[in-house]
Amino acid sequence: MSSEGSSYGDIHRYEPPRESTAAALAIVLLTVVEVVFVGLFTYGLVSGWALSEFGNMYMGGILAVIFIDLAFILMLYRKEFLPDVMIVKKRRRKWEDLYVRQDDIDGTPFMEDPWEGVKRALYPYYKK
């Protein structure tokens, strides 16, 4: 769905999420796996698995699996359950806010007041 509005803040494109049942089931299953691995990691910390030579690597591997599983959960949620929205924004140059006032966007006369030009060249944040 697209709109023709071009003023700032208008929604230019809105695509509703798919909200598939398969993605919801996958998120639930991945969450169960996440809880199992968090419980295993917690049990390993309490039991002192990290004190042995290979237990430390085992705990690191469990922690890596926890974060990878969490990444897949968030990826599925973002892709399947959040809408795709594009909002019209004002495009600006990086320096525009610092050196150009709103009334001077189209430019200033070359030799209107030489003293004002010198002050503005020496101090770019000069305001009238």
N, C-alpha and C. Protein backbone atom coordinates (compact mmCIF):
# COMPACT_ATOMS: atom_id res chain seq x y z
N MET A 1 0.84 -1.17 0.00
CA MET A 1 0.00 0.00 0.00
C MET A 1 0.89 1.24 0.00
N SER A 2 0.68 2.14 -0.94
CA SER A 2 1.45 3.36 -1.03
C SER A 2 0.53 4.56 -0.96
N SER A 3 1.06 5.66 -0.51
CA SER A 3 0.28 6.89 -0.47
C SER A 3 1.00 7.94 -1.30
N GLU A 4 0.27 8.95 -1.68
CA GLU A 4 0.83 10.01 -2.51
C GLU A 4 1.30 11.19 -1.68
N GLY A 5 1.15 11.16 -0.36
CA GLY A 5 1.56 12.27 0.49
C GLY A 5 3.06 12.48 0.46
N SER A 6 3.48 13.73 0.33
CA SER A 6 4.90 14.00 0.29
C SER A 6 5.33 14.97 1.37
N SER A 7 4.43 15.31 2.28
CA SER A 7 4.86 16.19 3.37
C SER A 7 5.56 15.34 4.42
N TYR A 8 6.37 15.97 5.21
CA TYR A 8 7.22 15.27 6.16
C TYR A 8 6.38 14.56 7.21
N GLY A 9 6.70 13.30 7.47
CA GLY A 9 5.98 12.52 8.43
C GLY A 9 4.89 11.64 7.85
N ASP A 10 4.53 11.85 6.58
CA ASP A 10 3.53 11.00 5.94
C ASP A 10 4.10 9.60 5.74
N ILE A 11 3.22 8.62 5.80
CA ILE A 11 3.63 7.24 5.53
C ILE A 11 3.64 7.04 4.03
N HIS A 12 4.81 6.75 3.49
CA HIS A 12 4.96 6.58 2.04
C HIS A 12 4.60 5.17 1.61
N ARG A 13 5.00 4.17 2.41
CA ARG A 13 4.69 2.78 2.08
C ARG A 13 4.40 2.03 3.37
N TYR A 14 3.37 1.21 3.36
CA TYR A 14 3.02 0.39 4.52
C TYR A 14 2.65 -1.00 4.02
N GLU A 15 3.41 -1.99 4.42
CA GLU A 15 3.10 -3.37 4.08
C GLU A 15 2.83 -4.11 5.38
N PRO A 16 1.63 -4.66 5.55
CA PRO A 16 1.32 -5.36 6.81
C PRO A 16 2.15 -6.63 6.95
N PRO A 17 2.36 -7.08 8.18
CA PRO A 17 3.14 -8.31 8.38
C PRO A 17 2.38 -9.55 7.93
N ARG A 18 3.11 -10.61 7.63
CA ARG A 18 2.48 -11.85 7.16
C ARG A 18 1.81 -12.62 8.29
N GLU A 19 2.40 -12.61 9.46
CA GLU A 19 1.88 -13.29 10.65
C GLU A 19 1.57 -14.76 10.39
N SER A 20 2.54 -15.49 9.90
CA SER A 20 2.31 -16.90 9.58
C SER A 20 2.34 -17.76 10.84
N THR A 21 1.56 -18.82 10.80
CA THR A 21 1.48 -19.74 11.92
C THR A 21 2.77 -20.54 12.08
N ALA A 22 3.39 -20.86 10.95
CA ALA A 22 4.65 -21.61 11.02
C ALA A 22 5.73 -20.81 11.73
N ALA A 23 5.78 -19.51 11.47
CA ALA A 23 6.77 -18.67 12.15
C ALA A 23 6.46 -18.58 13.65
N ALA A 24 5.20 -18.52 14.00
CA ALA A 24 4.83 -18.47 15.43
C ALA A 24 5.23 -19.76 16.13
N LEU A 25 5.00 -20.89 15.49
CA LEU A 25 5.41 -22.17 16.08
C LEU A 25 6.93 -22.27 16.18
N ALA A 26 7.64 -21.79 15.15
CA ALA A 26 9.10 -21.82 15.19
C ALA A 26 9.63 -20.95 16.33
N ILE A 27 9.00 -19.80 16.54
CA ILE A 27 9.43 -18.92 17.64
C ILE A 27 9.19 -19.59 19.00
N VAL A 28 8.05 -20.27 19.13
CA VAL A 28 7.76 -20.96 20.39
C VAL A 28 8.78 -22.08 20.63
N LEU A 29 9.08 -22.87 19.60
CA LEU A 29 10.05 -23.95 19.75
C LEU A 29 11.45 -23.42 20.05
N LEU A 30 11.85 -22.36 19.36
CA LEU A 30 13.16 -21.77 19.63
C LEU A 30 13.22 -21.18 21.04
N THR A 31 12.12 -20.67 21.53
CA THR A 31 12.08 -20.15 22.90
C THR A 31 12.24 -21.28 23.92
N VAL A 32 11.61 -22.42 23.65
CA VAL A 32 11.77 -23.58 24.54
C VAL A 32 13.23 -24.03 24.55
N VAL A 33 13.85 -24.08 23.37
CA VAL A 33 15.27 -24.45 23.27
C VAL A 33 16.13 -23.43 24.02
N GLU A 34 15.77 -22.16 23.90
CA GLU A 34 16.50 -21.09 24.60
C GLU A 34 16.45 -21.30 26.12
N VAL A 35 15.27 -21.60 26.62
CA VAL A 35 15.11 -21.80 28.07
C VAL A 35 15.91 -23.01 28.54
N VAL A 36 15.93 -24.07 27.73
CA VAL A 36 16.71 -25.27 28.09
C VAL A 36 18.20 -24.93 28.17
N PHE A 37 18.71 -24.21 27.18
CA PHE A 37 20.14 -23.89 27.18
C PHE A 37 20.50 -22.89 28.29
N VAL A 38 19.60 -21.97 28.60
CA VAL A 38 19.87 -21.05 29.71
C VAL A 38 19.90 -21.82 31.03
N GLY A 39 18.97 -22.77 31.18
CA GLY A 39 18.99 -23.61 32.39
C GLY A 39 20.25 -24.45 32.48
N LEU A 40 20.70 -25.01 31.34
CA LEU A 40 21.93 -25.80 31.31
C LEU A 40 23.15 -24.93 31.66
N PHE A 41 23.18 -23.71 31.12
CA PHE A 41 24.28 -22.80 31.42
C PHE A 41 24.29 -22.42 32.90
N THR A 42 23.11 -22.15 33.45
CA THR A 42 23.02 -21.80 34.87
C THR A 42 23.45 -22.97 35.75
N TYR A 43 23.01 -24.16 35.41
CA TYR A 43 23.42 -25.35 36.17
C TYR A 43 24.94 -25.55 36.09
N GLY A 44 25.51 -25.31 34.90
CA GLY A 44 26.95 -25.42 34.75
C GLY A 44 27.72 -24.41 35.59
N LEU A 45 27.19 -23.20 35.70
CA LEU A 45 27.84 -22.19 36.54
C LEU A 45 27.79 -22.59 38.01
N VAL A 46 26.63 -23.06 38.45
CA VAL A 46 26.47 -23.44 39.85
C VAL A 46 27.31 -24.68 40.18
N SER A 47 27.39 -25.62 39.24
CA SER A 47 28.13 -26.86 39.47
C SER A 47 29.63 -26.71 39.35
N GLY A 48 30.09 -25.64 38.75
CA GLY A 48 31.53 -25.41 38.61
C GLY A 48 32.15 -26.10 37.41
N TRP A 49 31.37 -26.24 36.32
CA TRP A 49 31.93 -26.85 35.12
C TRP A 49 33.06 -26.00 34.54
N ALA A 50 33.01 -24.72 34.73
CA ALA A 50 33.99 -23.82 34.12
C ALA A 50 35.36 -23.94 34.77
N LEU A 51 35.48 -24.65 35.87
CA LEU A 51 36.77 -24.77 36.55
C LEU A 51 37.68 -25.79 35.88
N SER A 52 37.12 -26.71 35.11
CA SER A 52 37.96 -27.70 34.43
C SER A 52 38.45 -27.14 33.09
N GLU A 53 39.39 -27.86 32.49
CA GLU A 53 40.01 -27.38 31.25
C GLU A 53 39.02 -27.34 30.09
N PHE A 54 38.26 -28.39 29.88
CA PHE A 54 37.33 -28.45 28.77
C PHE A 54 35.95 -27.91 29.14
N GLY A 55 35.66 -27.83 30.42
CA GLY A 55 34.38 -27.30 30.87
C GLY A 55 34.22 -25.83 30.52
N ASN A 56 35.31 -25.09 30.54
CA ASN A 56 35.26 -23.67 30.19
C ASN A 56 34.87 -23.49 28.73
N MET A 57 35.43 -24.33 27.84
CA MET A 57 35.06 -24.27 26.43
C MET A 57 33.61 -24.70 26.24
N TYR A 58 33.18 -25.70 27.02
CA TYR A 58 31.80 -26.17 26.95
C TYR A 58 30.83 -25.06 27.35
N MET A 59 31.15 -24.35 28.40
CA MET A 59 30.30 -23.24 28.85
C MET A 59 30.26 -22.12 27.81
N GLY A 60 31.41 -21.84 27.19
CA GLY A 60 31.45 -20.84 26.13
C GLY A 60 30.60 -21.24 24.93
N GLY A 61 30.63 -22.53 24.60
CA GLY A 61 29.81 -23.03 23.50
C GLY A 61 28.33 -22.92 23.80
N ILE A 62 27.96 -23.23 25.04
CA ILE A 62 26.54 -23.10 25.43
C ILE A 62 26.11 -21.64 25.34
N LEU A 63 26.97 -20.73 25.80
CA LEU A 63 26.64 -19.31 25.74
C LEU A 63 26.51 -18.84 24.30
N ALA A 64 27.36 -19.34 23.40
CA ALA A 64 27.26 -18.98 21.98
C ALA A 64 25.94 -19.49 21.39
N VAL A 65 25.54 -20.71 21.74
CA VAL A 65 24.28 -21.26 21.24
C VAL A 65 23.10 -20.44 21.76
N ILE A 66 23.19 -19.97 22.99
CA ILE A 66 22.11 -19.14 23.55
C ILE A 66 21.92 -17.88 22.72
N PHE A 67 23.01 -17.19 22.41
CA PHE A 67 22.89 -15.94 21.66
C PHE A 67 22.51 -16.17 20.20
N ILE A 68 22.98 -17.25 19.59
CA ILE A 68 22.59 -17.55 18.21
C ILE A 68 21.10 -17.88 18.15
N ASP A 69 20.61 -18.64 19.11
CA ASP A 69 19.18 -18.96 19.18
C ASP A 69 18.36 -17.69 19.37
N LEU A 70 18.81 -16.81 20.25
CA LEU A 70 18.11 -15.55 20.45
C LEU A 70 18.10 -14.71 19.17
N ALA A 71 19.19 -14.73 18.41
CA ALA A 71 19.23 -13.99 17.15
C ALA A 71 18.21 -14.53 16.16
N PHE A 72 18.04 -15.85 16.09
CA PHE A 72 17.04 -16.42 15.20
C PHE A 72 15.61 -16.08 15.64
N ILE A 73 15.38 -16.06 16.94
CA ILE A 73 14.06 -15.68 17.44
C ILE A 73 13.73 -14.24 17.04
N LEU A 74 14.67 -13.33 17.26
CA LEU A 74 14.44 -11.92 16.93
C LEU A 74 14.31 -11.72 15.43
N MET A 75 15.08 -12.46 14.63
CA MET A 75 15.00 -12.34 13.17
C MET A 75 13.63 -12.78 12.67
N LEU A 76 13.14 -13.91 13.15
CA LEU A 76 11.82 -14.38 12.75
C LEU A 76 10.72 -13.41 13.18
N TYR A 77 10.83 -12.89 14.38
CA TYR A 77 9.82 -11.95 14.86
C TYR A 77 9.80 -10.69 14.02
N ARG A 78 10.99 -10.14 13.72
CA ARG A 78 11.05 -8.92 12.92
C ARG A 78 10.52 -9.14 11.51
N LYS A 79 10.86 -10.27 10.91
CA LYS A 79 10.46 -10.52 9.53
C LYS A 79 8.97 -10.84 9.40
N GLU A 80 8.41 -11.57 10.35
CA GLU A 80 7.05 -12.07 10.20
C GLU A 80 5.98 -11.27 10.93
N PHE A 81 6.35 -10.53 11.97
CA PHE A 81 5.33 -9.91 12.80
C PHE A 81 5.43 -8.39 12.92
N LEU A 82 6.39 -7.75 12.28
CA LEU A 82 6.47 -6.30 12.30
C LEU A 82 6.17 -5.75 10.91
N PRO A 83 5.38 -4.68 10.79
CA PRO A 83 5.07 -4.14 9.47
C PRO A 83 6.27 -3.42 8.87
N ASP A 84 6.26 -3.35 7.53
CA ASP A 84 7.31 -2.62 6.81
C ASP A 84 6.76 -1.24 6.49
N VAL A 85 7.30 -0.22 7.14
CA VAL A 85 6.79 1.14 7.01
C VAL A 85 7.91 2.05 6.54
N MET A 86 7.62 2.87 5.51
CA MET A 86 8.57 3.88 5.05
C MET A 86 7.93 5.25 5.25
N ILE A 87 8.61 6.11 6.00
CA ILE A 87 8.09 7.44 6.32
C ILE A 87 8.88 8.47 5.53
N VAL A 88 8.19 9.49 5.02
CA VAL A 88 8.83 10.56 4.28
C VAL A 88 9.61 11.43 5.26
N LYS A 89 10.89 11.63 4.97
CA LYS A 89 11.73 12.47 5.83
C LYS A 89 12.40 13.55 4.99
N LYS A 90 12.82 14.60 5.64
CA LYS A 90 13.51 15.68 4.97
C LYS A 90 14.97 15.30 4.78
N ARG A 91 15.44 15.40 3.57
CA ARG A 91 16.83 15.08 3.29
C ARG A 91 17.67 16.34 3.48
N ARG A 92 18.73 16.22 4.22
CA ARG A 92 19.60 17.36 4.50
C ARG A 92 21.05 17.00 4.26
N ARG A 93 21.81 18.01 3.98
CA ARG A 93 23.25 17.83 3.94
C ARG A 93 23.78 17.86 5.36
N LYS A 94 24.94 17.30 5.59
CA LYS A 94 25.48 17.22 6.95
C LYS A 94 25.72 18.60 7.54
N TRP A 95 26.16 19.54 6.71
CA TRP A 95 26.55 20.84 7.23
C TRP A 95 25.41 21.83 7.24
N GLU A 96 24.24 21.46 6.72
CA GLU A 96 23.17 22.43 6.53
C GLU A 96 22.67 23.03 7.84
N ASP A 97 22.53 22.23 8.88
CA ASP A 97 22.02 22.75 10.14
C ASP A 97 23.00 23.69 10.83
N LEU A 98 24.29 23.51 10.57
CA LEU A 98 25.27 24.33 11.26
C LEU A 98 25.45 25.70 10.63
N TYR A 99 25.47 25.77 9.30
CA TYR A 99 25.89 27.00 8.65
C TYR A 99 24.78 27.74 7.91
N VAL A 100 23.66 27.12 7.66
CA VAL A 100 22.63 27.75 6.87
C VAL A 100 21.38 27.94 7.73
N ARG A 101 20.91 29.18 7.79
CA ARG A 101 19.66 29.44 8.49
C ARG A 101 18.49 29.13 7.57
N GLN A 102 17.32 28.98 8.14
CA GLN A 102 16.15 28.59 7.36
C GLN A 102 15.83 29.63 6.29
N ASP A 103 15.99 30.93 6.61
CA ASP A 103 15.67 31.97 5.62
C ASP A 103 16.77 32.15 4.59
N ASP A 104 17.94 31.52 4.77
CA ASP A 104 19.04 31.65 3.81
C ASP A 104 19.27 30.38 3.00
N ILE A 105 18.29 29.49 2.94
CA ILE A 105 18.50 28.21 2.24
C ILE A 105 18.75 28.43 0.75
N ASP A 106 18.08 29.40 0.16
CA ASP A 106 18.26 29.63 -1.28
C ASP A 106 19.49 30.47 -1.58
N GLY A 107 20.24 30.85 -0.59
CA GLY A 107 21.45 31.64 -0.80
C GLY A 107 21.27 33.05 -0.31
N THR A 108 22.38 33.77 -0.23
CA THR A 108 22.36 35.16 0.21
C THR A 108 22.98 36.02 -0.89
N PRO A 109 22.60 37.29 -0.94
CA PRO A 109 23.23 38.19 -1.92
C PRO A 109 24.73 38.30 -1.66
N PHE A 110 25.48 38.52 -2.74
CA PHE A 110 26.94 38.51 -2.64
C PHE A 110 27.48 39.68 -1.83
N MET A 111 27.07 40.90 -2.13
CA MET A 111 27.64 42.08 -1.47
C MET A 111 26.55 42.90 -0.79
N GLU A 112 25.72 42.29 0.02
CA GLU A 112 24.67 43.06 0.70
C GLU A 112 25.28 43.90 1.83
N ASP A 113 25.98 43.26 2.75
CA ASP A 113 26.63 43.97 3.84
C ASP A 113 27.98 43.29 4.08
N PRO A 114 29.08 43.91 3.67
CA PRO A 114 30.39 43.25 3.79
C PRO A 114 30.74 42.90 5.24
N TRP A 115 30.37 43.74 6.20
CA TRP A 115 30.71 43.48 7.59
C TRP A 115 29.99 42.22 8.10
N GLU A 116 28.74 42.01 7.70
CA GLU A 116 28.01 40.79 8.08
C GLU A 116 28.69 39.55 7.48
N GLY A 117 29.19 39.67 6.25
CA GLY A 117 29.89 38.55 5.62
C GLY A 117 31.16 38.19 6.37
N VAL A 118 31.89 39.21 6.84
CA VAL A 118 33.12 38.95 7.59
C VAL A 118 32.79 38.28 8.93
N LYS A 119 31.77 38.78 9.62
CA LYS A 119 31.39 38.18 10.90
C LYS A 119 30.94 36.73 10.71
N ARG A 120 30.19 36.48 9.64
CA ARG A 120 29.71 35.13 9.41
C ARG A 120 30.85 34.20 9.01
N ALA A 121 31.84 34.71 8.30
CA ALA A 121 32.99 33.88 7.92
C ALA A 121 33.85 33.55 9.13
N LEU A 122 33.99 34.49 10.06
CA LEU A 122 34.80 34.24 11.24
C LEU A 122 34.07 33.40 12.28
N TYR A 123 32.78 33.58 12.38
CA TYR A 123 32.00 32.85 13.38
C TYR A 123 30.76 32.29 12.71
N PRO A 124 30.80 31.01 12.27
CA PRO A 124 29.69 30.46 11.48
C PRO A 124 28.37 30.33 12.23
N TYR A 125 28.40 30.36 13.56
CA TYR A 125 27.15 30.23 14.31
C TYR A 125 26.52 31.58 14.63
N TYR A 126 27.01 32.63 13.97
CA TYR A 126 26.54 33.99 14.22
C TYR A 126 25.07 34.11 13.86
N LYS A 127 24.29 34.70 14.76
CA LYS A 127 22.87 34.91 14.52
C LYS A 127 22.57 36.39 14.59
N LYS A 128 21.59 36.82 13.80
CA LYS A 128 21.22 38.23 13.83
C LYS A 128 20.52 38.57 15.11
